[in-house]
C-alpha atoms as a PDB file:
ATOM      1  CA  MET A   1      15.000  22.245  16.993  1.00  0.00           C
ATOM      2  CA  LYS A   2      17.051  20.375  19.528  1.00  0.00           C
ATOM      3  CA  ASN A   3      19.694  21.948  21.645  1.00  0.00           C
ATOM      4  CA  GLY A   4      22.771  20.198  23.013  1.00  0.00           C
ATOM      5  CA  LEU A   5      21.321  19.627  26.488  1.00  0.00           C
ATOM      6  CA  THR A   6      18.093  18.097  25.171  1.00  0.00           C
ATOM      7  CA  GLU A   7      20.071  15.823  22.868  1.00  0.00           C
ATOM      8  CA  THR A   8      22.321  14.754  25.747  1.00  0.00           C
ATOM      9  CA  LEU A   9      19.418  14.071  28.099  1.00  0.00           C
ATOM     10  CA  THR A  10      17.326  12.158  25.589  1.00  0.00           C
ATOM     11  CA  GLY A  11      20.156  10.407  23.800  1.00  0.00           C
ATOM     12  CA  GLY A  12      18.706  11.863  20.605  1.00  0.00           C
ATOM     13  CA  LEU A  13      15.479   9.883  21.088  1.00  0.00           C
ATOM     14  CA  GLU A  14      12.366  11.570  19.756  1.00  0.00           C
ATOM     15  CA  PRO A  15       9.389  11.651  22.169  1.00  0.00           C
ATOM     16  CA  GLN A  16       7.282   9.453  19.849  1.00  0.00           C
ATOM     17  CA  LYS A  17       9.991   6.788  19.679  1.00  0.00           C
ATOM     18  CA  LEU A  18      10.567   6.916  23.438  1.00  0.00           C
ATOM     19  CA  ARG A  19       6.830   6.519  24.084  1.00  0.00           C
ATOM     20  CA  ARG A  20       6.624   3.588  21.646  1.00  0.00           C
ATOM     21  CA  GLU A  21       9.652   1.846  23.172  1.00  0.00           C
ATOM     22  CA  LEU A  22       8.536   2.337  26.787  1.00  0.00           C
ATOM     23  CA  GLN A  23       4.958   1.238  26.130  1.00  0.00           C
ATOM     24  CA  ARG A  24       5.525  -1.567  23.633  1.00  0.00           C
ATOM     25  CA  GLY A  25       9.171  -2.566  23.847  1.00  0.00           C
ATOM     26  CA  LYS A  26       9.881  -6.186  24.672  1.00  0.00           C
ATOM     27  CA  SER A  27      13.550  -6.165  25.661  1.00  0.00           C
ATOM     28  CA  GLU A  28      14.670  -7.904  28.843  1.00  0.00           C
ATOM     29  CA  ASN A  29      15.997  -4.581  30.150  1.00  0.00           C
ATOM     30  CA  LEU A  30      12.600  -2.922  29.721  1.00  0.00           C
ATOM     31  CA  GLY A  31      10.896  -5.857  31.399  1.00  0.00           C
ATOM     32  CA  ARG A  32      13.197  -5.483  34.397  1.00  0.00           C
ATOM     33  CA  ARG A  33      12.693  -1.697  34.426  1.00  0.00           C
ATOM     34  CA  ARG A  34       8.925  -2.220  34.493  1.00  0.00           C
ATOM     35  CA  ALA A  35       9.381  -4.642  37.397  1.00  0.00           C
ATOM     36  CA  VAL A  36      11.422  -1.964  39.205  1.00  0.00           C
ATOM     37  CA  ILE A  37       8.502   0.414  38.813  1.00  0.00           C
ATOM     38  CA  GLY A  38       6.082  -2.203  40.167  1.00  0.00           C
ATOM     39  CA  LEU A  39       8.287  -3.072  43.151  1.00  0.00           C
ATOM     40  CA  SER A  40       8.842   0.619  43.846  1.00  0.00           C
ATOM     41  CA  LEU A  41       5.090   1.196  43.983  1.00  0.00           C
ATOM     42  CA  ILE A  42       4.598  -1.786  46.317  1.00  0.00           C
ATOM     43  CA  GLY A  43       7.401  -0.526  48.555  1.00  0.00           C
ATOM     44  CA  MET A  44       5.897   2.960  48.466  1.00  0.00           C
ATOM     45  CA  ALA A  45       2.556   1.567  49.652  1.00  0.00           C
ATOM     46  CA  ALA A  46       4.268  -0.032  52.644  1.00  0.00           C
ATOM     47  CA  MET A  47       6.320   3.065  53.405  1.00  0.00           C
ATOM     48  CA  THR A  48       3.258   5.300  53.034  1.00  0.00           C
ATOM     49  CA  ALA A  49       1.651   3.456  55.952  1.00  0.00           C
ATOM     50  CA  VAL A  50       4.873   3.760  57.976  1.00  0.00           C
ATOM     51  CA  SER A  51       5.190   7.476  57.120  1.00  0.00           C
ATOM     52  CA  LEU A  52       1.602   8.142  58.160  1.00  0.00           C
ATOM     53  CA  PHE A  53       2.291   6.490  61.510  1.00  0.00           C
ATOM     54  CA  GLN A  54       5.689   8.099  62.077  1.00  0.00           C
ATOM     55  CA  THR A  55       4.294  11.587  61.460  1.00  0.00           C
ATOM     56  CA  GLY A  56       1.203  11.114  63.641  1.00  0.00           C
ATOM     57  CA  VAL A  57      -1.392  11.036  60.870  1.00  0.00           C
ATOM     58  CA  VAL A  58      -2.444   7.566  62.029  1.00  0.00           C
ATOM     59  CA  LYS A  59      -1.982   6.319  65.594  1.00  0.00           C
ATOM     60  CA  HIS A  60      -1.507   2.579  65.025  1.00  0.00           C
ATOM     61  CA  LEU A  61      -0.221   0.182  62.376  1.00  0.00           C
ATOM     62  CA  PRO A  62      -2.042  -3.150  62.299  1.00  0.00           C
ATOM     63  CA  ASP A  63       0.145  -6.257  62.476  1.00  0.00           C
ATOM     64  CA  PRO A  64      -0.426  -9.863  61.462  1.00  0.00           C
ATOM     65  CA  PRO A  65      -1.583 -12.005  64.399  1.00  0.00           C
ATOM     66  CA  ILE A  66       1.872 -13.563  64.765  1.00  0.00           C
ATOM     67  CA  ASP A  67       4.048 -13.317  67.847  1.00  0.00           C
ATOM     68  CA  GLY A  68       6.982 -10.957  67.474  1.00  0.00           C
ATOM     69  CA  PHE A  69       5.312  -8.423  65.186  1.00  0.00           C
ATOM     70  CA  ASP A  70       5.042  -4.900  66.598  1.00  0.00           C
ATOM     71  CA  SER A  71       5.211  -2.324  63.818  1.00  0.00           C
ATOM     72  CA  ASP A  72       4.410   0.524  66.184  1.00  0.00           C
ATOM     73  CA  LYS A  73       7.447  -0.311  68.344  1.00  0.00           C
ATOM     74  CA  VAL A  74       9.824  -0.693  65.392  1.00  0.00           C
ATOM     75  CA  ASN A  75       8.670   2.514  63.723  1.00  0.00           C
ATOM     76  CA  SER A  76       8.760   4.515  66.966  1.00  0.00           C
ATOM     77  CA  SER A  77      12.307   3.460  67.825  1.00  0.00           C
ATOM     78  CA  ASP A  78      15.230   5.829  68.161  1.00  0.00           C
ATOM     79  CA  THR A  79      16.739   4.136  65.097  1.00  0.00           C
ATOM     80  CA  ALA A  80      13.726   5.185  63.030  1.00  0.00           C
ATOM     81  CA  TYR A  81      14.288   8.869  63.881  1.00  0.00           C
ATOM     82  CA  ALA A  82      18.096   8.907  64.119  1.00  0.00           C
ATOM     83  CA  LEU A  83      18.598  11.009  60.978  1.00  0.00           C
ATOM     84  CA  GLY A  84      16.397  13.852  62.199  1.00  0.00           C
ATOM     85  CA  VAL A  85      13.538  12.774  59.964  1.00  0.00           C
ATOM     86  CA  PRO A  86      11.425   9.608  60.137  1.00  0.00           C
ATOM     87  CA  ASP A  87      13.101   6.852  58.140  1.00  0.00           C
ATOM     88  CA  GLY A  88       9.829   5.828  56.495  1.00  0.00           C
ATOM     89  CA  THR A  89       9.565   9.214  54.780  1.00  0.00           C
ATOM     90  CA  LEU A  90      13.106   8.873  53.437  1.00  0.00           C
ATOM     91  CA  SER A  91      12.409   5.370  52.184  1.00  0.00           C
ATOM     92  CA  LEU A  92       9.171   6.531  50.570  1.00  0.00           C
ATOM     93  CA  ALA A  93      10.962   9.340  48.712  1.00  0.00           C
ATOM     94  CA  SER A  94      13.787   7.052  47.665  1.00  0.00           C
ATOM     95  CA  LEU A  95      11.434   4.408  46.305  1.00  0.00           C
ATOM     96  CA  ALA A  96       9.560   7.127  44.412  1.00  0.00           C
ATOM     97  CA  ALA A  97      12.827   8.273  42.812  1.00  0.00           C
ATOM     98  CA  ASN A  98      13.260   4.802  41.277  1.00  0.00           C
ATOM     99  CA  ILE A  99      10.269   5.369  39.010  1.00  0.00           C
ATOM    100  CA  PRO A 100      11.663   8.187  36.825  1.00  0.00           C
ATOM    101  CA  LEU A 101      15.065   6.476  36.854  1.00  0.00           C
ATOM    102  CA  ALA A 102      13.480   3.284  35.520  1.00  0.00           C
ATOM    103  CA  ALA A 103      11.419   5.210  32.966  1.00  0.00           C
ATOM    104  CA  PHE A 104      14.321   7.344  31.741  1.00  0.00           C
ATOM    105  CA  GLY A 105      15.491   6.533  28.230  1.00  0.00           C
ATOM    106  CA  GLY A 106      14.629   4.016  25.575  1.00  0.00           C
ATOM    107  CA  GLU A 107      15.335   0.332  25.097  1.00  0.00           C
ATOM    108  CA  ASN A 108      19.028   0.867  24.397  1.00  0.00           C
ATOM    109  CA  ARG A 109      19.807   3.348  27.131  1.00  0.00           C
ATOM    110  CA  HIS A 110      22.619   1.112  28.345  1.00  0.00           C
ATOM    111  CA  GLU A 111      24.397   2.112  25.103  1.00  0.00           C
ATOM    112  CA  GLU A 112      22.990   5.590  24.514  1.00  0.00           C
ATOM    113  CA  GLN A 113      22.872   6.827  28.142  1.00  0.00           C
ATOM    114  CA  PRO A 114      25.009   4.347  30.084  1.00  0.00           C
ATOM    115  CA  PHE A 115      25.334   6.533  33.155  1.00  0.00           C
ATOM    116  CA  VAL A 116      21.589   6.261  33.885  1.00  0.00           C
ATOM    117  CA  PRO A 117      21.563   2.491  34.528  1.00  0.00           C
ATOM    118  CA  ILE A 118      24.875   2.787  36.388  1.00  0.00           C
ATOM    119  CA  LEU A 119      23.394   5.499  38.620  1.00  0.00           C
ATOM    120  CA  ALA A 120      20.228   3.436  39.149  1.00  0.00           C
ATOM    121  CA  ALA A 121      22.311   0.415  40.143  1.00  0.00           C
ATOM    122  CA  GLY A 122      24.512   2.381  42.533  1.00  0.00           C
ATOM    123  CA  LYS A 123      21.449   3.884  44.196  1.00  0.00           C
ATOM    124  CA  ALA A 124      19.705   0.520  44.436  1.00  0.00           C
ATOM    125  CA  VAL A 125      22.709  -1.314  45.882  1.00  0.00           C
ATOM    126  CA  VAL A 126      23.183   1.334  48.580  1.00  0.00           C
ATOM    127  CA  GLU A 127      19.469   1.190  49.430  1.00  0.00           C
ATOM    128  CA  ALA A 128      19.514  -2.615  49.577  1.00  0.00           C
ATOM    129  CA  ALA A 129      22.450  -2.432  51.989  1.00  0.00           C
ATOM    130  CA  VAL A 130      20.606   0.115  54.157  1.00  0.00           C
ATOM    131  CA  ALA A 131      17.453  -2.035  54.033  1.00  0.00           C
ATOM    132  CA  GLY A 132      19.558  -5.018  55.128  1.00  0.00           C
ATOM    133  CA  TRP A 133      20.914  -3.034  58.059  1.00  0.00           C
ATOM    134  CA  TYR A 134      17.381  -2.037  59.116  1.00  0.00           C
ATOM    135  CA  PHE A 135      16.257  -5.629  58.648  1.00  0.00           C
ATOM    136  CA  TYR A 136      19.031  -6.718  61.012  1.00  0.00           C
ATOM    137  CA  GLN A 137      18.002  -4.058  63.571  1.00  0.00           C
ATOM    138  CA  MET A 138      14.476  -5.407  63.933  1.00  0.00           C
ATOM    139  CA  PRO A 139      15.270  -8.701  65.705  1.00  0.00           C
ATOM    140  CA  THR A 140      18.561  -7.696  67.297  1.00  0.00           C
ATOM    141  CA  LYS A 141      17.910  -4.219  68.661  1.00  0.00           C
ATOM    142  CA  GLU A 142      14.150  -3.693  68.587  1.00  0.00           C
ATOM    143  CA  LYS A 143      13.245  -7.320  69.362  1.00  0.00           C
ATOM    144  CA  ALA A 144      10.220  -6.967  67.100  1.00  0.00           C
ATOM    145  CA  TRP A 145       9.282  -7.275  63.442  1.00  0.00           C
ATOM    146  CA  CYS A 146       7.475  -4.822  61.175  1.00  0.00           C
ATOM    147  CA  GLY A 147       5.632  -6.318  58.223  1.00  0.00           C
ATOM    148  CA  TYR A 148       5.672  -2.997  56.369  1.00  0.00           C
ATOM    149  CA  CYS A 149       9.439  -2.746  56.826  1.00  0.00           C
ATOM    150  CA  ILE A 150       9.932  -6.333  55.679  1.00  0.00           C
ATOM    151  CA  ALA A 151       7.898  -5.598  52.537  1.00  0.00           C
ATOM    152  CA  GLY A 152       9.930  -2.449  51.874  1.00  0.00           C
ATOM    153  CA  ALA A 153      13.225  -4.272  52.392  1.00  0.00           C
ATOM    154  CA  LEU A 154      12.217  -7.100  50.065  1.00  0.00           C
ATOM    155  CA  CYS A 155      11.280  -4.533  47.423  1.00  0.00           C
ATOM    156  CA  ASN A 156      14.680  -2.864  47.796  1.00  0.00           C
ATOM    157  CA  PHE A 157      16.481  -6.212  47.495  1.00  0.00           C
ATOM    158  CA  GLY A 158      14.451  -7.053  44.381  1.00  0.00           C
ATOM    159  CA  ILE A 159      15.088  -3.667  42.799  1.00  0.00           C
ATOM    160  CA  ALA A 160      18.837  -4.044  43.313  1.00  0.00           C
ATOM    161  CA  ALA A 161      18.787  -7.467  41.670  1.00  0.00           C
ATOM    162  CA  LEU A 162      16.735  -6.141  38.742  1.00  0.00           C
ATOM    163  CA  VAL A 163      18.948  -3.157  37.892  1.00  0.00           C
ATOM    164  CA  LEU A 164      22.325  -4.912  37.969  1.00  0.00           C
ATOM    165  CA  PRO A 165      22.116  -6.669  34.565  1.00  0.00           C
ATOM    166  CA  GLU A 166      21.474  -3.402  32.707  1.00  0.00           C
ATOM    167  CA  ALA A 167      24.231  -1.641  34.643  1.00  0.00           C
ATOM    168  CA  LYS A 168      26.628  -4.438  33.638  1.00  0.00           C
ATOM    169  CA  LYS A 169      25.673  -3.912  29.981  1.00  0.00           C
ATOM    170  CA  ALA A 170      26.170  -0.150  30.425  1.00  0.00           C
ATOM    171  CA  ILE A 171      29.658  -0.663  31.852  1.00  0.00           C
ATOM    172  CA  GLU A 172      30.489  -3.013  28.981  1.00  0.00           C
ATOM    173  CA  SER A 173      29.181  -0.408  26.526  1.00  0.00           C
ATOM    174  CA  LEU A 174      31.391   2.286  28.062  1.00  0.00           C
ATOM    175  CA  ALA A 175      34.409  -0.035  27.962  1.00  0.00           C
ATOM    176  CA  ALA A 176      33.780  -0.825  24.290  1.00  0.00           C
ATOM    177  CA  LYS A 177      33.820   2.894  23.435  1.00  0.00           C
ATOM    178  CA  ARG A 178      37.334   3.365  24.841  1.00  0.00           C
END
């Protein structure tokens, strides 16, 4: 027996149908959502290394043998700790939050649960903007590059690009219901 909250959260989708759609569905939206999960995991790997360094678990982050790279300097900067918590840990948690957002709902969630893709897009656009700001800080303020940070930023930019088409469909779906 379903209650109102369960029906609202699932869009009326039975667990078996949700599982089938997520695992076997072939829609473009699902393909992009799967890519969001993959990019989130790649970004998490990069931010895991940064978080381990920023919290003292590891003492050094290796860099490519290219002039201008100094991940230790970038990740030990005042900017990296300005919010009262290391920025790598925040980025790691934020990237992790993309995974359930991308996995939430079936193939037609843009119609059945339009606020989920809209929320995912809003979150991703804000994070891409923040990643862009951090990206700008590396050469201008820190005078050094961090490969882990570059990887994380690229993942955030990619995630934002991937979620926008579904959010557009969700907005169109909401407009059609009015």
